[in-house]
Amino acid sequence: MIGVTIQDNESVDKALRRFKKKYERSGVLKEFKKRRNFTKPSIQKRLSRLKAIRRQHRISVEQA
C-alpha cells in the first residue's frame, strides 16, 4: 500500500503530487492493466518478437 504522510507546513496539493509520483513509480496501474487482460504466453512471445523486429527495422532505417 502506498502512503504519504503530510509534513509540517506542507500543503495538501504538494503531498498529493508526491503521492502521484510514488504511485506512478511503483507501477500499480501498469500491473492492474496487465492483469485485467490475460494474453496467452504464445501470443505474448509473438508480440514481443514483432516488437523487436520493428525496433531493429527502425534503427536500420535511421542509420541509413
Protein backbone atom coordinates (compact mmCIF):
# COMPACT_ATOMS: atom_id res chain seq x y z
CA MET A 1 0.00 0.00 0.00
CA ILE A 2 1.32 3.40 -0.98
CA GLY A 3 1.10 6.12 1.61
CA VAL A 4 2.32 9.66 2.10
CA THR A 5 2.49 11.46 5.42
CA ILE A 6 1.84 15.17 5.30
CA GLN A 7 4.74 17.06 6.83
CA ASP A 8 4.52 20.27 8.86
CA ASN A 9 3.81 23.38 6.78
CA GLU A 10 3.12 21.28 3.66
CA SER A 11 0.08 21.90 1.51
CA VAL A 12 -2.24 19.09 0.53
CA ASP A 13 -1.52 19.77 -3.14
CA LYS A 14 2.19 19.18 -2.64
CA ALA A 15 1.52 15.95 -0.74
CA LEU A 16 -0.85 14.84 -3.47
CA ARG A 17 1.86 15.44 -6.08
CA ARG A 18 4.28 13.31 -4.04
CA PHE A 19 1.67 10.57 -3.81
CA LYS A 20 1.09 10.61 -7.57
CA LYS A 21 4.83 10.31 -8.23
CA LYS A 22 5.11 7.34 -5.85
CA TYR A 23 2.05 5.78 -7.46
CA GLU A 24 3.47 6.08 -10.99
CA ARG A 25 6.92 4.82 -9.99
CA SER A 26 5.53 1.77 -8.21
CA GLY A 27 3.79 0.57 -11.39
CA VAL A 28 0.47 -0.25 -9.74
CA LEU A 29 -1.60 0.95 -12.69
CA LYS A 30 0.60 -0.86 -15.20
CA GLU A 31 0.27 -4.09 -13.22
CA PHE A 32 -3.50 -3.64 -12.98
CA LYS A 33 -3.88 -3.20 -16.74
CA LYS A 34 -1.61 -6.18 -17.36
CA ARG A 35 -3.65 -8.45 -15.09
CA ARG A 36 -7.01 -7.24 -16.40
CA ASN A 37 -6.47 -8.78 -19.85
CA PHE A 38 -4.83 -12.19 -19.96
CA THR A 39 -2.77 -12.97 -23.04
CA LYS A 40 -1.57 -16.45 -23.78
CA PRO A 41 2.20 -16.91 -23.47
CA SER A 42 2.47 -17.90 -27.15
CA ILE A 43 0.78 -14.68 -28.25
CA GLN A 44 2.92 -12.65 -25.85
CA LYS A 45 6.09 -14.17 -27.33
CA ARG A 46 4.89 -13.44 -30.85
CA LEU A 47 4.11 -9.82 -29.99
CA SER A 48 7.49 -9.31 -28.34
CA ARG A 49 9.21 -10.82 -31.38
CA LEU A 50 7.31 -8.49 -33.72
CA LYS A 51 8.14 -5.54 -31.50
CA ALA A 52 11.85 -6.42 -31.64
CA ILE A 53 11.70 -6.72 -35.44
CA ARG A 54 10.06 -3.30 -35.72
CA ARG A 55 12.65 -1.80 -33.39
CA GLN A 56 15.53 -3.27 -35.43
CA HIS A 57 13.96 -2.04 -38.66
CA ARG A 58 13.55 1.47 -37.24
CA ILE A 59 17.20 1.51 -36.11
CA SER A 60 18.46 0.33 -39.51
CA VAL A 61 16.37 2.98 -41.32
CA GLU A 62 17.72 5.74 -39.06
CA GLN A 63 21.33 4.68 -39.69
CA ALA A 64 20.91 4.60 -43.47
